[in-house]
Amino acid sequence: MTDEILKILLLDQTTGKNILWANAEHGQQEILFKQIDLIVPRHEKNRELQKLRTKTRAEIFTPPNVCEIQNDLVDANPGVPEEYIDAKFLEITCGEAPYITSRYNAVTGEYIPIDKRVGLLDRKLNFIRKEYSTVNDWTQLTIRAVQSVYGYEFQGDNLFLARRNIFDTVVEYFAMKFSIKPPENFWTEIAEIISWNFWQMDGLECTIPYEDTNPQGSFDFENNSTPKPIQLCKIIDWRTRKVETFKEIIEGGRK
């Protein structure tokens, strides 16, 4: 994975800065590019840290067999292929995104072969792999499949891992299907979609973590300034390419 891709996967599209650590270990600090190697999945953390994260953020990861049972309940039968590929799914408080892609057992870390994966994106990519044979069809439909899955997470290291898992999933499916390079800029486009669709958010407030949702007063006479506007998290409607806040979408009852 190139530095360019890694930097995109670190980007918070709402603030234009890097995502925050937002965890018990690092607090509100921004994740720096040079700190990427410090990010490890939950199964590699020591038990004391796992317990701390469970206590502070209720972090408990779901094993693949449970994800499979629950995904079976919502995964539509692909009667119309393009409708199936475009069907939208959102994983709330997504952690490392095990419901979207099951590259490994989120509890044990055991690697899962492609043909045994149960994530919602895995299912779409397996469908595309079996039904479409040209690079152009595969890449265009894969872009749509990645655009269809969403997730948000408070802790920044988890979010980065979720983004990276989804990116690596697409790489693995492409490598299984083809022995050539994809079209130019394909990987950059995939990374940018992921950085929009999987975002850092306080799920109770629909804002970036630690945002003050109750600023005092309308004008600070001492500093001659008004309070900063609340930073509601932004996502893209890929059909219209319109940037909207997640709060606007859920309050409008849209899907």
Foldseek 3Di string as FASTA:
>chain_A
DDLLLLCLLQAFPLVRAGAAQCFPPGHGHHDDSVCLVVQDAPLPDDPVVNVRRCVPPVDDDDFQVVLQVVCVVVQDDPPPLLCNLQAADEDEQQQLNLQAWPQDTSNNRHGDDLVPIRHSLSVNLVVCLVPDQDLVSSLVSNLSNLLRYAYEHARSSRLSNNLVRVLVVVVVSCVVRDDDDHPPCSSVSSSNSSSQRYHHADVVVQAHPPWDPDDPDQADPVVGGGDDDTRHRWHAPVVVRDIDGPVVCVVVVHD
